[in-house]
Amino acid sequence: MKLCRFNDQRLGVVLGDEIADVTSVADALPAMRWPLPTTGDALIAALPKLRPAIERAASAAERVKLSAAKLLSPVANPTKIIGAPINYNDHIEESKKDQGIAHGREIKTIGDWGLFLKANSALVGASEGVALRFPQRRNDHEAELAVIIGERGSNIARADARRHIAGYAIGLDMTVRGPELPSFRKSIDSYAVLGPWLVTAEEIADPNAVDFECKVNGETRQKSNTRYLVYDVDRLIEYASSFYTLHPGDIIMTGTPAGVGPVKPGDTLTVDMAGIGHLSVAIRAA
């Protein structure tokens, strides 16, 4: 199943070139009052229970043309967005050679650096695009498989990791290069793109064998497969949960391969990812 959030906070199921509007199903979610519970995204948490109702509603729902819809982030309220730095060996090598990436830092391994967090305020969907806050600096694209957590967990064993996954999406870990810490440079508004929709976990047989390709204005920049991850999806969940409690809706951006490069206002960035789909994002000045 492909779930999207679109237009004015509508919930949809993507069916070919149309979206079935199943927003009414969200009425079953519990009402919340301040202070909001820190238990994660309410829809993602309830998805296993809501799924039969979503499937029934989709069969008779009003349809909207996908091409006419404004696609928002399929996850509305993650408690955190987790990034996995230098998680492909070819990206480690290019980072060592390119001081525009490294900025004097010693490039080691993900095990040496650990993970980092991106601000939730950076999160946008495909149709919202990327607004370059500092166009005079180098702003790079980083295409990644994004994993969306579905079940709360802490100290999750590798063998149990996949039962905590709600689904997958395409992620763009946009970054402005410079000497500052990664969480600071990567948390600019719109620098965490998620979409175009969430593909539920059973749709991807093996998240550690997913082909993807990133293009800028039609020119291939990145082309790889998640089989080359240093820490694969299962290990990332194990590793992240050894430090953080993972909540429904939390997003793990799994890392990017070689080929990262700058974008500028007016560019169009696209990512095609097997089993998920096609993401197209416009780059503009803030």
Protein backbone atom coordinates (compact mmCIF):
# COMPACT_ATOMS: atom_id res chain seq x y z
CA MET A 1 0.00 0.00 0.00
CA LYS A 2 1.15 3.52 -0.82
CA LEU A 3 -0.06 6.11 1.70
CA CYS A 4 0.27 9.83 1.12
CA ARG A 5 -0.61 13.11 2.80
CA PHE A 6 -1.73 15.68 0.28
CA ASN A 7 -3.33 19.07 -0.32
CA ASP A 8 -4.93 20.42 2.87
CA GLN A 9 -3.84 17.62 5.24
CA ARG A 10 -5.75 14.92 3.39
CA LEU A 11 -4.91 11.22 3.76
CA GLY A 12 -4.75 9.20 0.57
CA VAL A 13 -4.00 5.83 -0.94
CA VAL A 14 -2.06 6.04 -4.20
CA LEU A 15 -3.64 3.87 -6.89
CA GLY A 16 -1.84 4.21 -10.20
CA ASP A 17 -2.14 7.83 -11.34
CA GLU A 18 -4.86 8.66 -8.81
CA ILE A 19 -5.21 9.20 -5.08
CA ALA A 20 -8.16 7.73 -3.20
CA ASP A 21 -9.11 10.19 -0.46
CA VAL A 22 -9.50 8.19 2.77
CA THR A 23 -9.23 11.13 5.18
CA SER A 24 -12.42 10.10 6.98
CA VAL A 25 -10.63 7.07 8.42
CA ALA A 26 -8.45 9.41 10.49
CA ASP A 27 -11.56 10.38 12.48
CA ALA A 28 -10.97 7.18 14.46
CA LEU A 29 -7.74 8.56 15.89
CA PRO A 30 -8.01 9.63 19.53
CA ALA A 31 -8.41 13.32 20.29
CA MET A 32 -5.37 14.86 21.97
CA ARG A 33 -5.00 17.69 24.46
CA TRP A 34 -2.03 19.58 25.75
CA PRO A 35 0.52 18.42 26.66
CA LEU A 36 0.65 16.15 23.63
CA PRO A 37 2.01 12.67 24.38
CA THR A 38 5.52 11.96 23.10
CA THR A 39 4.45 8.60 21.71
CA GLY A 40 5.04 9.32 18.05
CA ASP A 41 2.89 9.97 15.02
CA ALA A 42 -0.70 8.99 15.86
CA LEU A 43 -1.56 7.75 12.38
CA ILE A 44 1.56 5.61 12.00
CA ALA A 45 1.05 4.16 15.47
CA ALA A 46 -2.54 3.21 14.65
CA LEU A 47 -1.84 2.01 11.10
CA PRO A 48 -2.06 -1.75 11.80
CA LYS A 49 -5.55 -1.29 13.30
CA LEU A 50 -6.68 1.27 10.72
CA ARG A 51 -5.45 -0.58 7.67
CA PRO A 52 -8.62 -2.66 7.04
CA ALA A 53 -10.72 0.51 7.24
CA ILE A 54 -8.33 2.33 4.90
CA GLU A 55 -8.55 -0.49 2.36
CA ARG A 56 -12.37 -0.51 2.52
CA ALA A 57 -12.58 3.25 2.21
CA ALA A 58 -10.17 3.35 -0.74
CA SER A 59 -12.38 1.12 -2.86
CA ALA A 60 -15.23 3.65 -2.88
CA ALA A 61 -13.39 6.91 -2.14
CA GLU A 62 -13.38 10.08 -4.18
CA ARG A 63 -10.36 10.11 -6.52
CA VAL A 64 -7.92 12.94 -7.16
CA LYS A 65 -5.41 12.99 -10.00
CA LEU A 66 -1.94 12.43 -8.61
CA SER A 67 -0.51 14.99 -11.02
CA ALA A 68 -2.80 17.67 -9.56
CA ALA A 69 -2.11 16.94 -5.89
CA LYS A 70 0.29 18.75 -3.58
CA LEU A 71 2.27 15.99 -1.90
CA LEU A 72 3.29 16.66 1.70
CA SER A 73 5.54 14.54 3.88
CA PRO A 74 3.73 11.21 4.37
CA VAL A 75 4.71 11.37 8.05
CA ALA A 76 3.25 14.38 9.82
CA ASN A 77 4.68 14.19 13.34
CA PRO A 78 7.90 12.22 13.82
CA THR A 79 9.54 12.63 17.21
CA LYS A 80 12.91 12.66 15.44
CA ILE A 81 14.66 12.40 12.09
CA ILE A 82 17.83 10.33 12.35
CA GLY A 83 20.70 10.61 9.88
CA ALA A 84 23.41 8.04 9.13
CA PRO A 85 26.62 9.80 8.02
CA ILE A 86 29.24 8.24 5.72
CA ASN A 87 27.31 4.97 5.46
CA TYR A 88 28.55 3.97 1.98
CA ASN A 89 32.23 3.25 1.43
CA ASP A 90 32.32 5.11 -1.89
CA HIS A 91 30.96 8.23 -0.16
CA ILE A 92 33.65 7.89 2.51
CA GLU A 93 36.29 7.89 -0.22
CA GLU A 94 34.84 10.90 -2.06
CA SER A 95 34.56 12.79 1.25
CA LYS A 96 38.25 12.19 1.97
CA LYS A 97 39.19 13.57 -1.44
CA ASP A 98 36.82 16.57 -1.51
CA GLN A 99 37.52 19.21 1.12
CA GLY A 100 34.30 20.90 0.04
CA ILE A 101 32.64 18.00 1.87
CA ALA A 102 35.16 17.30 4.63
CA HIS A 103 36.07 20.88 5.66
CA GLY A 104 39.13 19.63 7.51
CA ARG A 105 37.34 16.88 9.42
CA GLU A 106 38.91 13.45 9.53
CA ILE A 107 36.65 11.08 7.63
CA LYS A 108 36.46 7.80 9.52
CA THR A 109 33.48 5.42 9.73
CA ILE A 110 29.87 5.61 10.83
CA GLY A 111 30.89 3.64 13.91
CA ASP A 112 33.34 6.42 14.82
CA TRP A 113 30.95 9.28 14.09
CA GLY A 114 27.67 7.77 15.27
CA LEU A 115 24.31 9.09 14.08
CA PHE A 116 22.95 12.64 14.02
CA LEU A 117 19.54 14.29 14.32
CA LYS A 118 17.82 16.64 11.89
CA ALA A 119 15.26 19.09 13.23
CA ASN A 120 11.64 18.09 12.65
CA SER A 121 11.04 21.61 11.34
CA ALA A 122 13.20 20.69 8.33
CA LEU A 123 10.66 18.10 7.15
CA VAL A 124 8.78 18.71 3.88
CA GLY A 125 7.10 16.73 1.13
CA ALA A 126 7.92 16.45 -2.55
CA SER A 127 5.65 19.27 -3.71
CA GLU A 128 6.95 21.73 -1.13
CA GLY A 129 10.44 21.72 -2.60
CA VAL A 130 13.79 22.79 -1.14
CA ALA A 131 14.44 26.45 -0.29
CA LEU A 132 18.16 27.19 -0.22
CA ARG A 133 18.79 29.37 2.84
CA PHE A 134 22.41 30.13 1.90
CA PRO A 135 22.65 29.99 -1.92
CA GLN A 136 26.12 31.56 -1.79
CA ARG A 137 27.38 28.43 0.00
CA ARG A 138 27.57 24.91 -1.38
CA ASN A 139 24.25 23.11 -0.91
CA ASP A 140 24.40 19.38 -1.72
CA HIS A 141 21.82 16.71 -2.46
CA GLU A 142 22.05 13.36 -0.66
CA ALA A 143 19.55 10.75 -1.88
CA GLU A 144 18.73 8.01 0.61
CA LEU A 145 16.32 5.22 1.47
CA ALA A 146 14.21 6.43 4.40
CA VAL A 147 12.88 3.95 6.96
CA ILE A 148 9.74 4.86 8.92
CA ILE A 149 9.38 3.25 12.33
CA GLY A 150 6.00 1.70 13.09
CA GLU A 151 6.39 0.17 16.53
CA ARG A 152 7.99 1.69 19.64
CA GLY A 153 11.24 0.11 20.74
CA SER A 154 14.46 0.60 22.68
CA ASN A 155 17.55 -1.62 22.54
CA ILE A 156 16.02 -3.49 19.61
CA ALA A 157 17.90 -6.63 18.61
CA ARG A 158 18.98 -6.85 14.98
CA ALA A 159 16.88 -9.98 14.55
CA ASP A 160 13.76 -8.04 15.61
CA ALA A 161 14.46 -4.85 13.69
CA ARG A 162 12.10 -5.31 10.75
CA ARG A 163 9.00 -5.87 12.83
CA HIS A 164 9.45 -2.27 13.99
CA ILE A 165 9.22 -0.89 10.43
CA ALA A 166 5.97 0.67 9.19
CA GLY A 167 7.28 1.42 5.73
CA TYR A 168 9.74 3.15 3.46
CA ALA A 169 10.04 6.35 1.46
CA ILE A 170 12.59 8.28 -0.53
CA GLY A 171 14.60 10.70 1.57
CA LEU A 172 16.71 13.72 0.66
CA ASP A 173 19.18 14.68 3.36
CA MET A 174 19.95 18.14 1.98
CA THR A 175 22.99 19.82 3.48
CA VAL A 176 24.81 23.11 3.38
CA ARG A 177 28.56 22.45 3.48
CA GLY A 178 30.73 24.14 6.05
CA PRO A 179 32.61 23.76 9.33
CA GLU A 180 29.53 23.60 11.56
CA LEU A 181 28.24 20.38 13.11
CA PRO A 182 26.08 18.23 10.76
CA SER A 183 22.89 18.53 12.80
CA PHE A 184 23.10 22.33 12.49
CA ARG A 185 23.88 22.45 8.77
CA LYS A 186 21.33 19.79 7.85
CA SER A 187 18.39 21.13 9.87
CA ILE A 188 17.57 24.16 7.73
CA ASP A 189 13.86 24.46 6.87
CA SER A 190 13.01 22.15 3.93
CA TYR A 191 16.34 20.26 4.11
CA ALA A 192 14.65 16.96 5.02
CA VAL A 193 12.50 15.85 2.09
CA LEU A 194 10.37 12.72 2.52
CA GLY A 195 8.15 11.19 -0.12
CA PRO A 196 6.53 10.99 -2.46
CA TRP A 197 4.53 8.63 -0.23
CA LEU A 198 5.01 5.88 2.35
CA VAL A 199 5.20 2.35 0.96
CA THR A 200 4.15 -0.13 3.65
CA ALA A 201 6.79 -2.58 4.79
CA GLU A 202 5.51 -5.70 3.05
CA GLU A 203 5.91 -4.01 -0.35
CA ILE A 204 9.72 -4.07 -0.05
CA ALA A 205 10.97 -7.66 0.18
CA ASP A 206 14.50 -6.66 1.20
CA PRO A 207 15.34 -3.07 2.16
CA ASN A 208 19.00 -4.01 1.88
CA ALA A 209 18.70 -4.61 -1.87
CA VAL A 210 17.03 -1.51 -3.28
CA ASP A 211 18.24 0.20 -6.47
CA PHE A 212 18.02 3.98 -6.69
CA GLU A 213 19.19 6.83 -8.91
CA CYS A 214 19.35 10.58 -8.31
CA LYS A 215 19.40 13.11 -11.14
CA VAL A 216 19.74 16.89 -11.29
CA ASN A 217 18.16 18.44 -14.38
CA GLY A 218 18.15 14.99 -15.98
CA GLU A 219 21.86 14.31 -15.34
CA THR A 220 22.64 11.26 -13.19
CA ARG A 221 24.54 12.21 -10.05
CA GLN A 222 24.06 9.18 -7.79
CA LYS A 223 23.27 5.58 -8.69
CA SER A 224 23.60 2.76 -6.20
CA ASN A 225 21.90 -0.01 -4.23
CA THR A 226 21.31 -0.31 -0.49
CA ARG A 227 23.30 -3.56 -0.52
CA TYR A 228 26.35 -1.28 -0.24
CA LEU A 229 25.29 0.23 3.09
CA VAL A 230 28.04 -0.09 5.72
CA TYR A 231 25.41 -0.38 8.45
CA ASP A 232 22.40 -1.96 6.77
CA VAL A 233 18.79 -1.19 7.70
CA ASP A 234 18.62 -3.81 10.45
CA ARG A 235 21.90 -2.65 12.01
CA LEU A 236 20.82 1.01 11.86
CA ILE A 237 17.65 0.25 13.81
CA GLU A 238 19.65 -1.76 16.35
CA TYR A 239 22.27 1.01 16.61
CA ALA A 240 19.83 3.93 16.82
CA SER A 241 17.65 2.21 19.40
CA SER A 242 20.66 1.52 21.60
CA PHE A 243 20.80 5.31 22.15
CA TYR A 244 17.21 6.49 21.51
CA THR A 245 13.77 5.07 22.07
CA LEU A 246 12.27 4.83 18.59
CA HIS A 247 8.62 5.89 18.28
CA PRO A 248 6.07 5.37 15.50
CA GLY A 249 6.73 7.83 12.71
CA ASP A 250 10.41 8.31 13.49
CA ILE A 251 12.44 8.53 10.30
CA ILE A 252 15.85 6.97 9.71
CA MET A 253 17.64 8.31 6.65
CA THR A 254 20.00 5.46 5.93
CA GLY A 255 22.88 7.30 4.28
CA THR A 256 23.95 8.36 0.81
CA PRO A 257 26.37 6.92 -1.76
CA ALA A 258 29.02 8.71 -3.81
CA GLY A 259 27.99 11.39 -6.26
CA VAL A 260 26.76 14.06 -3.87
CA GLY A 261 26.96 17.48 -5.42
CA PRO A 262 25.66 21.03 -5.37
CA VAL A 263 22.26 22.28 -6.45
CA LYS A 264 21.16 25.84 -7.18
CA PRO A 265 17.85 27.70 -7.43
CA GLY A 266 15.98 26.64 -10.56
CA ASP A 267 17.27 23.06 -10.51
CA THR A 268 14.96 20.04 -10.50
CA LEU A 269 16.12 17.07 -8.47
CA THR A 270 14.61 13.63 -9.10
CA VAL A 271 15.07 10.30 -7.39
CA ASP A 272 13.81 6.94 -8.67
CA MET A 273 13.81 4.13 -6.12
CA ALA A 274 12.80 0.54 -6.87
CA GLY A 275 9.58 -0.49 -5.15
CA ILE A 276 8.82 3.04 -3.98
CA GLY A 277 8.52 5.32 -7.00
CA HIS A 278 9.59 8.66 -8.43
CA LEU A 279 10.31 11.79 -6.39
CA SER A 280 10.63 15.17 -8.11
CA VAL A 281 11.67 18.23 -6.12
CA ALA A 282 12.13 21.83 -7.21
CA ILE A 283 15.06 23.82 -5.80
CA ARG A 284 14.51 27.51 -5.11
CA ALA A 285 15.99 30.35 -3.10
CA ALA A 286 14.53 30.88 0.36
